[in-house]
Structures are given as C-alpha cells and as structure tokens.
PDB file of all heavy atoms in Angstrom:
ATOM      1  N   GLU A   1     -14.542  -4.055 -37.079  1.00  0.00           N
ATOM      2  CA  GLU A   1     -14.536  -2.608 -36.929  1.00  0.00           C
ATOM      3  C   GLU A   1     -15.818  -1.995 -37.474  1.00  0.00           C
ATOM      4  O   GLU A   1     -16.326  -2.428 -38.506  1.00  0.00           O
ATOM      5  CB  GLU A   1     -13.327  -2.001 -37.645  1.00  0.00           C
ATOM      6  CG  GLU A   1     -11.994  -2.477 -37.092  1.00  0.00           C
ATOM      7  CD  GLU A   1     -10.818  -1.791 -37.736  1.00  0.00           C
ATOM      8  OE1 GLU A   1     -11.028  -0.839 -38.518  1.00  0.00           O
ATOM      9  OE2 GLU A   1      -9.674  -2.199 -37.452  1.00  0.00           O
ATOM     10  N   ALA A   2     -16.309  -0.983 -36.792  1.00  0.00           N
ATOM     11  CA  ALA A   2     -17.528  -0.306 -37.211  1.00  0.00           C
ATOM     12  C   ALA A   2     -17.230   0.714 -38.295  1.00  0.00           C
ATOM     13  O   ALA A   2     -16.199   1.383 -38.274  1.00  0.00           O
ATOM     14  CB  ALA A   2     -18.191   0.372 -36.019  1.00  0.00           C
ATOM     15  N   SER A   3     -18.159   0.836 -39.229  1.00  0.00           N
ATOM     16  CA  SER A   3     -18.009   1.798 -40.311  1.00  0.00           C
ATOM     17  C   SER A   3     -18.416   3.201 -39.896  1.00  0.00           C
ATOM     18  O   SER A   3     -18.146   4.160 -40.605  1.00  0.00           O
ATOM     19  CB  SER A   3     -18.844   1.354 -41.517  1.00  0.00           C
ATOM     20  OG  SER A   3     -20.222   1.307 -41.200  1.00  0.00           O
ATOM     21  N   GLY A   4     -19.077   3.321 -38.761  1.00  0.00           N
ATOM     22  CA  GLY A   4     -19.522   4.599 -38.252  1.00  0.00           C
ATOM     23  C   GLY A   4     -19.525   4.597 -36.737  1.00  0.00           C
ATOM     24  O   GLY A   4     -19.171   3.603 -36.112  1.00  0.00           O
ATOM     25  N   SER A   5     -19.917   5.710 -36.162  1.00  0.00           N
ATOM     26  CA  SER A   5     -19.941   5.831 -34.710  1.00  0.00           C
ATOM     27  C   SER A   5     -21.149   5.103 -34.132  1.00  0.00           C
ATOM     28  O   SER A   5     -22.209   5.024 -34.756  1.00  0.00           O
ATOM     29  CB  SER A   5     -19.958   7.301 -34.294  1.00  0.00           C
ATOM     30  OG  SER A   5     -21.116   7.949 -34.777  1.00  0.00           O
ATOM     31  N   ILE A   6     -20.968   4.582 -32.925  1.00  0.00           N
ATOM     32  CA  ILE A   6     -22.026   3.875 -32.212  1.00  0.00           C
ATOM     33  C   ILE A   6     -22.053   4.380 -30.775  1.00  0.00           C
ATOM     34  O   ILE A   6     -21.029   4.411 -30.104  1.00  0.00           O
ATOM     35  CB  ILE A   6     -21.807   2.355 -32.211  1.00  0.00           C
ATOM     36  CG1 ILE A   6     -21.661   1.821 -33.637  1.00  0.00           C
ATOM     37  CG2 ILE A   6     -22.961   1.659 -31.502  1.00  0.00           C
ATOM     38  CD1 ILE A   6     -21.348   0.340 -33.701  1.00  0.00           C
ATOM     39  N   ALA A   7     -23.225   4.752 -30.304  1.00  0.00           N
ATOM     40  CA  ALA A   7     -23.378   5.238 -28.941  1.00  0.00           C
ATOM     41  C   ALA A   7     -24.077   4.205 -28.073  1.00  0.00           C
ATOM     42  O   ALA A   7     -24.898   3.430 -28.559  1.00  0.00           O
ATOM     43  CB  ALA A   7     -24.168   6.542 -28.934  1.00  0.00           C
ATOM     44  N   GLY A   8     -23.744   4.200 -26.794  1.00  0.00           N
ATOM     45  CA  GLY A   8     -24.429   3.362 -25.831  1.00  0.00           C
ATOM     46  C   GLY A   8     -24.188   1.866 -25.974  1.00  0.00           C
ATOM     47  O   GLY A   8     -25.121   1.078 -25.812  1.00  0.00           O
ATOM     48  N   ILE A   9     -22.966   1.467 -26.236  1.00  0.00           N
ATOM     49  CA  ILE A   9     -22.640   0.050 -26.363  1.00  0.00           C
ATOM     50  C   ILE A   9     -22.604  -0.601 -24.983  1.00  0.00           C
ATOM     51  O   ILE A   9     -21.910  -0.139 -24.088  1.00  0.00           O
ATOM     52  CB  ILE A   9     -21.293  -0.147 -27.073  1.00  0.00           C
ATOM     53  CG1 ILE A   9     -21.367   0.397 -28.494  1.00  0.00           C
ATOM     54  CG2 ILE A   9     -20.908  -1.621 -27.081  1.00  0.00           C
ATOM     55  CD1 ILE A   9     -20.038   0.378 -29.222  1.00  0.00           C
ATOM     56  N   ASN A  10     -23.335  -1.688 -24.814  1.00  0.00           N
ATOM     57  CA  ASN A  10     -23.363  -2.421 -23.554  1.00  0.00           C
ATOM     58  C   ASN A  10     -22.488  -3.672 -23.583  1.00  0.00           C
ATOM     59  O   ASN A  10     -21.801  -3.972 -22.613  1.00  0.00           O
ATOM     60  CB  ASN A  10     -24.796  -2.808 -23.190  1.00  0.00           C
ATOM     61  CG  ASN A  10     -25.671  -1.622 -22.889  1.00  0.00           C
ATOM     62  OD1 ASN A  10     -26.443  -1.173 -23.746  1.00  0.00           O
ATOM     63  ND2 ASN A  10     -25.549  -1.098 -21.674  1.00  0.00           N
ATOM     64  N   VAL A  11     -22.549  -4.406 -24.687  1.00  0.00           N
ATOM     65  CA  VAL A  11     -21.801  -5.648 -24.807  1.00  0.00           C
ATOM     66  C   VAL A  11     -21.236  -5.779 -26.217  1.00  0.00           C
ATOM     67  O   VAL A  11     -21.909  -5.462 -27.198  1.00  0.00           O
ATOM     68  CB  VAL A  11     -22.672  -6.883 -24.504  1.00  0.00           C
ATOM     69  CG1 VAL A  11     -21.826  -8.145 -24.522  1.00  0.00           C
ATOM     70  CG2 VAL A  11     -23.380  -6.738 -23.165  1.00  0.00           C
ATOM     71  N   MET A  12     -20.014  -6.267 -26.314  1.00  0.00           N
ATOM     72  CA  MET A  12     -19.413  -6.608 -27.589  1.00  0.00           C
ATOM     73  C   MET A  12     -19.015  -8.080 -27.516  1.00  0.00           C
ATOM     74  O   MET A  12     -18.583  -8.547 -26.464  1.00  0.00           O
ATOM     75  CB  MET A  12     -18.183  -5.743 -27.883  1.00  0.00           C
ATOM     76  CG  MET A  12     -18.452  -4.249 -27.811  1.00  0.00           C
ATOM     77  SD  MET A  12     -16.981  -3.230 -28.118  1.00  0.00           S
ATOM     78  CE  MET A  12     -16.861  -3.369 -29.905  1.00  0.00           C
ATOM     79  N   GLY A  13     -19.189  -8.792 -28.596  1.00  0.00           N
ATOM     80  CA  GLY A  13     -18.879 -10.203 -28.532  1.00  0.00           C
ATOM     81  C   GLY A  13     -18.697 -10.860 -29.876  1.00  0.00           C
ATOM     82  O   GLY A  13     -18.796 -10.229 -30.933  1.00  0.00           O
ATOM     83  N   TRP A  14     -18.403 -12.144 -29.802  1.00  0.00           N
ATOM     84  CA  TRP A  14     -18.227 -12.979 -30.979  1.00  0.00           C
ATOM     85  C   TRP A  14     -19.084 -14.229 -30.859  1.00  0.00           C
ATOM     86  O   TRP A  14     -19.139 -14.863 -29.800  1.00  0.00           O
ATOM     87  CB  TRP A  14     -16.763 -13.395 -31.152  1.00  0.00           C
ATOM     88  CG  TRP A  14     -15.861 -12.289 -31.591  1.00  0.00           C
ATOM     89  CD1 TRP A  14     -15.163 -11.430 -30.803  1.00  0.00           C
ATOM     90  CD2 TRP A  14     -15.557 -11.932 -32.941  1.00  0.00           C
ATOM     91  NE1 TRP A  14     -14.438 -10.553 -31.576  1.00  0.00           N
ATOM     92  CE2 TRP A  14     -14.667 -10.845 -32.899  1.00  0.00           C
ATOM     93  CE3 TRP A  14     -15.947 -12.430 -34.186  1.00  0.00           C
ATOM     94  CZ2 TRP A  14     -14.156 -10.237 -34.052  1.00  0.00           C
ATOM     95  CZ3 TRP A  14     -15.453 -11.825 -35.332  1.00  0.00           C
ATOM     96  CH2 TRP A  14     -14.569 -10.748 -35.254  1.00  0.00           C
ATOM     97  N   TYR A  15     -19.748 -14.554 -31.937  1.00  0.00           N
ATOM     98  CA  TYR A  15     -20.502 -15.787 -32.054  1.00  0.00           C
ATOM     99  C   TYR A  15     -19.914 -16.602 -33.196  1.00  0.00           C
ATOM    100  O   TYR A  15     -19.155 -16.085 -34.019  1.00  0.00           O
ATOM    101  CB  TYR A  15     -21.978 -15.508 -32.353  1.00  0.00           C
ATOM    102  CG  TYR A  15     -22.776 -14.949 -31.192  1.00  0.00           C
ATOM    103  CD1 TYR A  15     -22.587 -13.640 -30.758  1.00  0.00           C
ATOM    104  CD2 TYR A  15     -23.733 -15.724 -30.546  1.00  0.00           C
ATOM    105  CE1 TYR A  15     -23.322 -13.126 -29.712  1.00  0.00           C
ATOM    106  CE2 TYR A  15     -24.478 -15.209 -29.498  1.00  0.00           C
ATOM    107  CZ  TYR A  15     -24.268 -13.911 -29.084  1.00  0.00           C
ATOM    108  OH  TYR A  15     -25.006 -13.395 -28.042  1.00  0.00           O
ATOM    109  N   ARG A  16     -20.285 -17.871 -33.249  1.00  0.00           N
ATOM    110  CA  ARG A  16     -19.870 -18.684 -34.380  1.00  0.00           C
ATOM    111  C   ARG A  16     -20.975 -19.665 -34.730  1.00  0.00           C
ATOM    112  O   ARG A  16     -21.777 -20.038 -33.889  1.00  0.00           O
ATOM    113  CB  ARG A  16     -18.571 -19.439 -34.094  1.00  0.00           C
ATOM    114  CG  ARG A  16     -18.667 -20.535 -33.045  1.00  0.00           C
ATOM    115  CD  ARG A  16     -17.300 -21.147 -32.782  1.00  0.00           C
ATOM    116  NE  ARG A  16     -17.342 -22.214 -31.793  1.00  0.00           N
ATOM    117  CZ  ARG A  16     -16.273 -22.815 -31.293  1.00  0.00           C
ATOM    118  NH1 ARG A  16     -15.056 -22.461 -31.701  1.00  0.00           N
ATOM    119  NH2 ARG A  16     -16.413 -23.781 -30.396  1.00  0.00           N
ATOM    120  N   GLN A  17     -20.991 -20.077 -35.983  1.00  0.00           N
ATOM    121  CA  GLN A  17     -21.985 -21.024 -36.447  1.00  0.00           C
ATOM    122  C   GLN A  17     -21.354 -21.974 -37.453  1.00  0.00           C
ATOM    123  O   GLN A  17     -20.834 -21.549 -38.477  1.00  0.00           O
ATOM    124  CB  GLN A  17     -23.175 -20.307 -37.082  1.00  0.00           C
ATOM    125  CG  GLN A  17     -24.310 -21.230 -37.480  1.00  0.00           C
ATOM    126  CD  GLN A  17     -25.568 -20.473 -37.870  1.00  0.00           C
ATOM    127  OE1 GLN A  17     -25.513 -19.300 -38.221  1.00  0.00           O
ATOM    128  NE2 GLN A  17     -26.706 -21.138 -37.785  1.00  0.00           N
ATOM    129  N   ALA A  18     -21.410 -23.253 -37.130  1.00  0.00           N
ATOM    130  CA  ALA A  18     -20.921 -24.293 -38.020  1.00  0.00           C
ATOM    131  C   ALA A  18     -22.092 -24.846 -38.823  1.00  0.00           C
ATOM    132  O   ALA A  18     -23.245 -24.752 -38.397  1.00  0.00           O
ATOM    133  CB  ALA A  18     -20.249 -25.404 -37.223  1.00  0.00           C
ATOM    134  N   PRO A  19     -21.833 -25.445 -39.980  1.00  0.00           N
ATOM    135  CA  PRO A  19     -22.911 -26.009 -40.792  1.00  0.00           C
ATOM    136  C   PRO A  19     -23.757 -27.000 -39.999  1.00  0.00           C
ATOM    137  O   PRO A  19     -23.221 -27.886 -39.331  1.00  0.00           O
ATOM    138  CB  PRO A  19     -22.164 -26.705 -41.931  1.00  0.00           C
ATOM    139  CG  PRO A  19     -20.897 -25.929 -42.064  1.00  0.00           C
ATOM    140  CD  PRO A  19     -20.518 -25.587 -40.645  1.00  0.00           C
ATOM    141  N   GLY A  20     -25.072 -26.831 -40.056  1.00  0.00           N
ATOM    142  CA  GLY A  20     -25.972 -27.726 -39.364  1.00  0.00           C
ATOM    143  C   GLY A  20     -26.113 -27.476 -37.879  1.00  0.00           C
ATOM    144  O   GLY A  20     -26.815 -28.233 -37.200  1.00  0.00           O
ATOM    145  N   LYS A  21     -25.467 -26.446 -37.364  1.00  0.00           N
ATOM    146  CA  LYS A  21     -25.542 -26.142 -35.945  1.00  0.00           C
ATOM    147  C   LYS A  21     -26.082 -24.734 -35.722  1.00  0.00           C
ATOM    148  O   LYS A  21     -26.051 -23.890 -36.612  1.00  0.00           O
ATOM    149  CB  LYS A  21     -24.166 -26.271 -35.287  1.00  0.00           C
ATOM    150  CG  LYS A  21     -23.586 -27.675 -35.311  1.00  0.00           C
ATOM    151  CD  LYS A  21     -22.283 -27.739 -34.546  1.00  0.00           C
ATOM    152  CE  LYS A  21     -21.734 -29.152 -34.502  1.00  0.00           C
ATOM    153  NZ  LYS A  21     -20.461 -29.209 -33.733  1.00  0.00           N
ATOM    154  N   VAL A  22     -26.570 -24.496 -34.513  1.00  0.00           N
ATOM    155  CA  VAL A  22     -27.083 -23.177 -34.165  1.00  0.00           C
ATOM    156  C   VAL A  22     -25.927 -22.234 -33.887  1.00  0.00           C
ATOM    157  O   VAL A  22     -24.812 -22.654 -33.565  1.00  0.00           O
ATOM    158  CB  VAL A  22     -28.019 -23.241 -32.946  1.00  0.00           C
ATOM    159  CG1 VAL A  22     -29.212 -24.136 -33.229  1.00  0.00           C
ATOM    160  CG2 VAL A  22     -27.268 -23.748 -31.725  1.00  0.00           C
ATOM    161  N   ARG A  23     -26.204 -20.956 -34.006  1.00  0.00           N
ATOM    162  CA  ARG A  23     -25.196 -19.964 -33.683  1.00  0.00           C
ATOM    163  C   ARG A  23     -24.990 -19.939 -32.172  1.00  0.00           C
ATOM    164  O   ARG A  23     -25.954 -19.891 -31.405  1.00  0.00           O
ATOM    165  CB  ARG A  23     -25.630 -18.587 -34.188  1.00  0.00           C
ATOM    166  CG  ARG A  23     -24.575 -17.512 -34.030  1.00  0.00           C
ATOM    167  CD  ARG A  23     -25.003 -16.213 -34.706  1.00  0.00           C
ATOM    168  NE  ARG A  23     -25.216 -16.395 -36.134  1.00  0.00           N
ATOM    169  CZ  ARG A  23     -25.474 -15.402 -36.975  1.00  0.00           C
ATOM    170  NH1 ARG A  23     -25.539 -14.155 -36.533  1.00  0.00           N
ATOM    171  NH2 ARG A  23     -25.666 -15.658 -38.265  1.00  0.00           N
ATOM    172  N   GLU A  24     -23.735 -19.965 -31.746  1.00  0.00           N
ATOM    173  CA  GLU A  24     -23.422 -20.003 -30.328  1.00  0.00           C
ATOM    174  C   GLU A  24     -22.491 -18.871 -29.933  1.00  0.00           C
ATOM    175  O   GLU A  24     -21.659 -18.417 -30.720  1.00  0.00           O
ATOM    176  CB  GLU A  24     -22.783 -21.346 -29.950  1.00  0.00           C
ATOM    177  CG  GLU A  24     -21.437 -21.597 -30.614  1.00  0.00           C
ATOM    178  CD  GLU A  24     -20.763 -22.874 -30.138  1.00  0.00           C
ATOM    179  OE1 GLU A  24     -21.196 -23.429 -29.106  1.00  0.00           O
ATOM    180  OE2 GLU A  24     -19.800 -23.315 -30.801  1.00  0.00           O
ATOM    181  N   LEU A  25     -22.629 -18.441 -28.699  1.00  0.00           N
ATOM    182  CA  LEU A  25     -21.757 -17.402 -28.163  1.00  0.00           C
ATOM    183  C   LEU A  25     -20.377 -17.982 -27.897  1.00  0.00           C
ATOM    184  O   LEU A  25     -20.243 -19.009 -27.238  1.00  0.00           O
ATOM    185  CB  LEU A  25     -22.339 -16.834 -26.871  1.00  0.00           C
ATOM    186  CG  LEU A  25     -21.477 -15.806 -26.133  1.00  0.00           C
ATOM    187  CD1 LEU A  25     -21.336 -14.536 -26.966  1.00  0.00           C
ATOM    188  CD2 LEU A  25     -22.076 -15.485 -24.771  1.00  0.00           C
ATOM    189  N   VAL A  26     -19.355 -17.310 -28.392  1.00  0.00           N
ATOM    190  CA  VAL A  26     -17.977 -17.721 -28.175  1.00  0.00           C
ATOM    191  C   VAL A  26     -17.352 -16.922 -27.041  1.00  0.00           C
ATOM    192  O   VAL A  26     -16.745 -17.482 -26.124  1.00  0.00           O
ATOM    193  CB  VAL A  26     -17.134 -17.560 -29.455  1.00  0.00           C
ATOM    194  CG1 VAL A  26     -15.680 -17.921 -29.186  1.00  0.00           C
ATOM    195  CG2 VAL A  26     -17.702 -18.425 -30.573  1.00  0.00           C
ATOM    196  N   ALA A  27     -17.487 -15.607 -27.109  1.00  0.00           N
ATOM    197  CA  ALA A  27     -16.908 -14.735 -26.098  1.00  0.00           C
ATOM    198  C   ALA A  27     -17.633 -13.408 -26.085  1.00  0.00           C
ATOM    199  O   ALA A  27     -18.113 -12.947 -27.120  1.00  0.00           O
ATOM    200  CB  ALA A  27     -15.414 -14.512 -26.364  1.00  0.00           C
ATOM    201  N   SER A  28     -17.711 -12.784 -24.923  1.00  0.00           N
ATOM    202  CA  SER A  28     -18.353 -11.482 -24.804  1.00  0.00           C
ATOM    203  C   SER A  28     -17.567 -10.594 -23.862  1.00  0.00           C
ATOM    204  O   SER A  28     -16.842 -11.076 -22.987  1.00  0.00           O
ATOM    205  CB  SER A  28     -19.803 -11.617 -24.333  1.00  0.00           C
ATOM    206  OG  SER A  28     -19.866 -12.169 -23.034  1.00  0.00           O
ATOM    207  N   LEU A  29     -17.742  -9.299 -24.040  1.00  0.00           N
ATOM    208  CA  LEU A  29     -17.046  -8.295 -23.246  1.00  0.00           C
ATOM    209  C   LEU A  29     -18.037  -7.199 -22.903  1.00  0.00           C
ATOM    210  O   LEU A  29     -18.590  -6.554 -23.789  1.00  0.00           O
ATOM    211  CB  LEU A  29     -15.858  -7.742 -24.038  1.00  0.00           C
ATOM    212  CG  LEU A  29     -14.991  -6.675 -23.381  1.00  0.00           C
ATOM    213  CD1 LEU A  29     -14.325  -7.221 -22.130  1.00  0.00           C
ATOM    214  CD2 LEU A  29     -13.944  -6.193 -24.369  1.00  0.00           C
ATOM    215  N   THR A  30     -18.264  -6.969 -21.613  1.00  0.00           N
ATOM    216  CA  THR A  30     -19.231  -5.974 -21.169  1.00  0.00           C
ATOM    217  C   THR A  30     -18.591  -4.609 -21.003  1.00  0.00           C
ATOM    218  O   THR A  30     -17.367  -4.461 -21.064  1.00  0.00           O
ATOM    219  CB  THR A  30     -19.891  -6.391 -19.854  1.00  0.00           C
ATOM    220  OG1 THR A  30     -18.892  -6.493 -18.831  1.00  0.00           O
ATOM    221  CG2 THR A  30     -20.594  -7.724 -19.999  1.00  0.00           C
ATOM    222  N   ARG A  31     -19.420  -3.612 -20.758  1.00  0.00           N
ATOM    223  CA  ARG A  31     -18.959  -2.241 -20.605  1.00  0.00           C
ATOM    224  C   ARG A  31     -17.911  -2.094 -19.506  1.00  0.00           C
ATOM    225  O   ARG A  31     -16.953  -1.329 -19.655  1.00  0.00           O
ATOM    226  CB  ARG A  31     -20.141  -1.315 -20.303  1.00  0.00           C
ATOM    227  CG  ARG A  31     -19.767   0.147 -20.155  1.00  0.00           C
ATOM    228  CD  ARG A  31     -20.900   0.933 -19.521  1.00  0.00           C
ATOM    229  NE  ARG A  31     -22.082   0.940 -20.360  1.00  0.00           N
ATOM    230  CZ  ARG A  31     -22.352   1.869 -21.274  1.00  0.00           C
ATOM    231  NH1 ARG A  31     -21.509   2.884 -21.458  1.00  0.00           N
ATOM    232  NH2 ARG A  31     -23.456   1.791 -21.995  1.00  0.00           N
ATOM    233  N   ASP A  32     -18.079  -2.837 -18.410  1.00  0.00           N
ATOM    234  CA  ASP A  32     -17.156  -2.726 -17.287  1.00  0.00           C
ATOM    235  C   ASP A  32     -15.908  -3.582 -17.439  1.00  0.00           C
ATOM    236  O   ASP A  32     -15.085  -3.648 -16.524  1.00  0.00           O
ATOM    237  CB  ASP A  32     -17.859  -3.071 -15.975  1.00  0.00           C
ATOM    238  CG  ASP A  32     -18.319  -4.515 -15.903  1.00  0.00           C
ATOM    239  OD1 ASP A  32     -18.112  -5.261 -16.875  1.00  0.00           O
ATOM    240  OD2 ASP A  32     -18.890  -4.903 -14.869  1.00  0.00           O
ATOM    241  N   GLY A  33     -15.764  -4.256 -18.573  1.00  0.00           N
ATOM    242  CA  GLY A  33     -14.577  -5.043 -18.826  1.00  0.00           C
ATOM    243  C   GLY A  33     -14.679  -6.509 -18.486  1.00  0.00           C
ATOM    244  O   GLY A  33     -13.697  -7.251 -18.664  1.00  0.00           O
ATOM    245  N   SER A  34     -15.815  -6.951 -18.004  1.00  0.00           N
ATOM    246  CA  SER A  34     -15.997  -8.357 -17.675  1.00  0.00           C
ATOM    247  C   SER A  34     -16.060  -9.194 -18.946  1.00  0.00           C
ATOM    248  O   SER A  34     -16.681  -8.797 -19.929  1.00  0.00           O
ATOM    249  CB  SER A  34     -17.270  -8.564 -16.859  1.00  0.00           C
ATOM    250  OG  SER A  34     -17.202  -7.876 -15.625  1.00  0.00           O
ATOM    251  N   THR A  35     -15.434 -10.355 -18.902  1.00  0.00           N
ATOM    252  CA  THR A  35     -15.421 -11.248 -20.054  1.00  0.00           C
ATOM    253  C   THR A  35     -16.115 -12.552 -19.734  1.00  0.00           C
ATOM    254  O   THR A  35     -16.190 -12.976 -18.580  1.00  0.00           O
ATOM    255  CB  THR A  35     -13.991 -11.550 -20.523  1.00  0.00           C
ATOM    256  OG1 THR A  35     -13.245 -12.135 -19.444  1.00  0.00           O
ATOM    257  CG2 THR A  35     -13.290 -10.275 -20.964  1.00  0.00           C
ATOM    258  N   ASN A  36     -16.616 -13.190 -20.779  1.00  0.00           N
ATOM    259  CA  ASN A  36     -17.256 -14.484 -20.646  1.00  0.00           C
ATOM    260  C   ASN A  36     -16.910 -15.309 -21.870  1.00  0.00           C
ATOM    261  O   ASN A  36     -16.947 -14.801 -22.990  1.00  0.00           O
ATOM    262  CB  ASN A  36     -18.774 -14.329 -20.503  1.00  0.00           C
ATOM    263  CG  ASN A  36     -19.490 -15.654 -20.364  1.00  0.00           C
ATOM    264  OD1 ASN A  36     -20.105 -16.156 -21.300  1.00  0.00           O
ATOM    265  ND2 ASN A  36     -19.409 -16.225 -19.167  1.00  0.00           N
ATOM    266  N   TYR A  37     -16.572 -16.587 -21.643  1.00  0.00           N
ATOM    267  CA  TYR A  37     -16.185 -17.461 -22.729  1.00  0.00           C
ATOM    268  C   TYR A  37     -16.963 -18.761 -22.687  1.00  0.00           C
ATOM    269  O   TYR A  37     -17.320 -19.260 -21.618  1.00  0.00           O
ATOM    270  CB  TYR A  37     -14.693 -17.797 -22.651  1.00  0.00           C
ATOM    271  CG  TYR A  37     -13.774 -16.611 -22.814  1.00  0.00           C
ATOM    272  CD1 TYR A  37     -13.323 -15.899 -21.711  1.00  0.00           C
ATOM    273  CD2 TYR A  37     -13.353 -16.211 -24.074  1.00  0.00           C
ATOM    274  CE1 TYR A  37     -12.479 -14.816 -21.858  1.00  0.00           C
ATOM    275  CE2 TYR A  37     -12.510 -15.125 -24.231  1.00  0.00           C
ATOM    276  CZ  TYR A  37     -12.072 -14.433 -23.120  1.00  0.00           C
ATOM    277  OH  TYR A  37     -11.231 -13.356 -23.269  1.00  0.00           O
ATOM    278  N   ALA A  38     -17.206 -19.306 -23.861  1.00  0.00           N
ATOM    279  CA  ALA A  38     -17.779 -20.641 -23.933  1.00  0.00           C
ATOM    280  C   ALA A  38     -16.777 -21.634 -23.357  1.00  0.00           C
ATOM    281  O   ALA A  38     -15.564 -21.460 -23.486  1.00  0.00           O
ATOM    282  CB  ALA A  38     -18.101 -20.997 -25.382  1.00  0.00           C
ATOM    283  N   ASP A  39     -17.284 -22.678 -22.711  1.00  0.00           N
ATOM    284  CA  ASP A  39     -16.401 -23.660 -22.099  1.00  0.00           C
ATOM    285  C   ASP A  39     -15.428 -24.270 -23.107  1.00  0.00           C
ATOM    286  O   ASP A  39     -14.283 -24.584 -22.764  1.00  0.00           O
ATOM    287  CB  ASP A  39     -17.219 -24.776 -21.442  1.00  0.00           C
ATOM    288  CG  ASP A  39     -17.947 -24.321 -20.196  1.00  0.00           C
ATOM    289  OD1 ASP A  39     -17.542 -23.305 -19.600  1.00  0.00           O
ATOM    290  OD2 ASP A  39     -18.927 -24.989 -19.815  1.00  0.00           O
ATOM    291  N   SER A  40     -15.868 -24.420 -24.330  1.00  0.00           N
ATOM    292  CA  SER A  40     -15.053 -25.062 -25.347  1.00  0.00           C
ATOM    293  C   SER A  40     -13.841 -24.240 -25.779  1.00  0.00           C
ATOM    294  O   SER A  40     -12.922 -24.780 -26.395  1.00  0.00           O
ATOM    295  CB  SER A  40     -15.906 -25.388 -26.578  1.00  0.00           C
ATOM    296  OG  SER A  40     -16.475 -24.214 -27.127  1.00  0.00           O
ATOM    297  N   VAL A  41     -13.822 -22.939 -25.458  1.00  0.00           N
ATOM    298  CA  VAL A  41     -12.725 -22.086 -25.902  1.00  0.00           C
ATOM    299  C   VAL A  41     -11.954 -21.455 -24.752  1.00  0.00           C
ATOM    300  O   VAL A  41     -10.960 -20.757 -24.984  1.00  0.00           O
ATOM    301  CB  VAL A  41     -13.223 -20.966 -26.847  1.00  0.00           C
ATOM    302  CG1 VAL A  41     -14.028 -21.555 -27.993  1.00  0.00           C
ATOM    303  CG2 VAL A  41     -14.051 -19.937 -26.082  1.00  0.00           C
ATOM    304  N   LYS A  42     -12.362 -21.696 -23.528  1.00  0.00           N
ATOM    305  CA  LYS A  42     -11.682 -21.122 -22.376  1.00  0.00           C
ATOM    306  C   LYS A  42     -10.215 -21.535 -22.350  1.00  0.00           C
ATOM    307  O   LYS A  42      -9.881 -22.697 -22.531  1.00  0.00           O
ATOM    308  CB  LYS A  42     -12.363 -21.555 -21.080  1.00  0.00           C
ATOM    309  CG  LYS A  42     -13.699 -20.886 -20.825  1.00  0.00           C
ATOM    310  CD  LYS A  42     -14.306 -21.350 -19.500  1.00  0.00           C
ATOM    311  CE  LYS A  42     -15.632 -20.661 -19.235  1.00  0.00           C
ATOM    312  NZ  LYS A  42     -16.267 -21.141 -17.989  1.00  0.00           N
ATOM    313  N   GLY A  43      -9.355 -20.547 -22.120  1.00  0.00           N
ATOM    314  CA  GLY A  43      -7.927 -20.804 -22.086  1.00  0.00           C
ATOM    315  C   GLY A  43      -7.266 -20.755 -23.444  1.00  0.00           C
ATOM    316  O   GLY A  43      -6.031 -20.775 -23.524  1.00  0.00           O
ATOM    317  N   ARG A  44      -8.053 -20.695 -24.511  1.00  0.00           N
ATOM    318  CA  ARG A  44      -7.494 -20.667 -25.862  1.00  0.00           C
ATOM    319  C   ARG A  44      -7.809 -19.372 -26.606  1.00  0.00           C
ATOM    320  O   ARG A  44      -6.993 -18.893 -27.390  1.00  0.00           O
ATOM    321  CB  ARG A  44      -8.019 -21.846 -26.683  1.00  0.00           C
ATOM    322  CG  ARG A  44      -7.641 -23.209 -26.113  1.00  0.00           C
ATOM    323  CD  ARG A  44      -7.994 -24.332 -27.079  1.00  0.00           C
ATOM    324  NE  ARG A  44      -9.436 -24.417 -27.315  1.00  0.00           N
ATOM    325  CZ  ARG A  44     -10.008 -24.272 -28.506  1.00  0.00           C
ATOM    326  NH1 ARG A  44      -9.255 -24.044 -29.585  1.00  0.00           N
ATOM    327  NH2 ARG A  44     -11.322 -24.374 -28.641  1.00  0.00           N
ATOM    328  N   PHE A  45      -8.989 -18.814 -26.373  1.00  0.00           N
ATOM    329  CA  PHE A  45      -9.419 -17.599 -27.066  1.00  0.00           C
ATOM    330  C   PHE A  45      -9.406 -16.413 -26.110  1.00  0.00           C
ATOM    331  O   PHE A  45      -9.649 -16.566 -24.908  1.00  0.00           O
ATOM    332  CB  PHE A  45     -10.838 -17.750 -27.621  1.00  0.00           C
ATOM    333  CG  PHE A  45     -10.981 -18.750 -28.737  1.00  0.00           C
ATOM    334  CD1 PHE A  45      -9.922 -19.545 -29.143  1.00  0.00           C
ATOM    335  CD2 PHE A  45     -12.195 -18.880 -29.393  1.00  0.00           C
ATOM    336  CE1 PHE A  45     -10.059 -20.466 -30.169  1.00  0.00           C
ATOM    337  CE2 PHE A  45     -12.352 -19.792 -30.423  1.00  0.00           C
ATOM    338  CZ  PHE A  45     -11.287 -20.588 -30.811  1.00  0.00           C
ATOM    339  N   THR A  46      -9.156 -15.224 -26.658  1.00  0.00           N
ATOM    340  CA  THR A  46      -9.155 -14.004 -25.872  1.00  0.00           C
ATOM    341  C   THR A  46      -9.875 -12.897 -26.633  1.00  0.00           C
ATOM    342  O   THR A  46      -9.547 -12.624 -27.789  1.00  0.00           O
ATOM    343  CB  THR A  46      -7.731 -13.535 -25.541  1.00  0.00           C
ATOM    344  OG1 THR A  46      -7.025 -14.573 -24.853  1.00  0.00           O
ATOM    345  CG2 THR A  46      -7.776 -12.298 -24.649  1.00  0.00           C
ATOM    346  N   ILE A  47     -10.836 -12.260 -25.980  1.00  0.00           N
ATOM    347  CA  ILE A  47     -11.560 -11.160 -26.588  1.00  0.00           C
ATOM    348  C   ILE A  47     -11.019  -9.841 -26.049  1.00  0.00           C
ATOM    349  O   ILE A  47     -10.670  -9.734 -24.872  1.00  0.00           O
ATOM    350  CB  ILE A  47     -13.077 -11.274 -26.324  1.00  0.00           C
ATOM    351  CG1 ILE A  47     -13.850 -10.211 -27.107  1.00  0.00           C
ATOM    352  CG2 ILE A  47     -13.383 -11.183 -24.836  1.00  0.00           C
ATOM    353  CD1 ILE A  47     -15.366 -10.385 -27.043  1.00  0.00           C
TER     354      ILE A  47
END
C-alpha cells in the first residue's frame, strides 16, 4: 500500500530476489487490466 497519492500509474507488479540471484519479475498488472506472470508461478499466483 502507498503512503500517499500517486498519479499516472502505468504498471503495478511484484518482483522477487533470492540470495545469490538477480531480481526477477513475478507478476505485473497494467492500466488496462492485463496481467503477466513468470512461467514458474503461472497457475499458482494471482496479482
């Protein structure tokens, strides 16, 4: 949750980073409602 107001949001999403690994995109949600998921979490995670 945001602590203040935000204008002009295009994409909201979640990333994750495990020790020794790069940060990777887990899921994203665009302004028009389109979603995208990493292959490793498809069918299990919902944004």
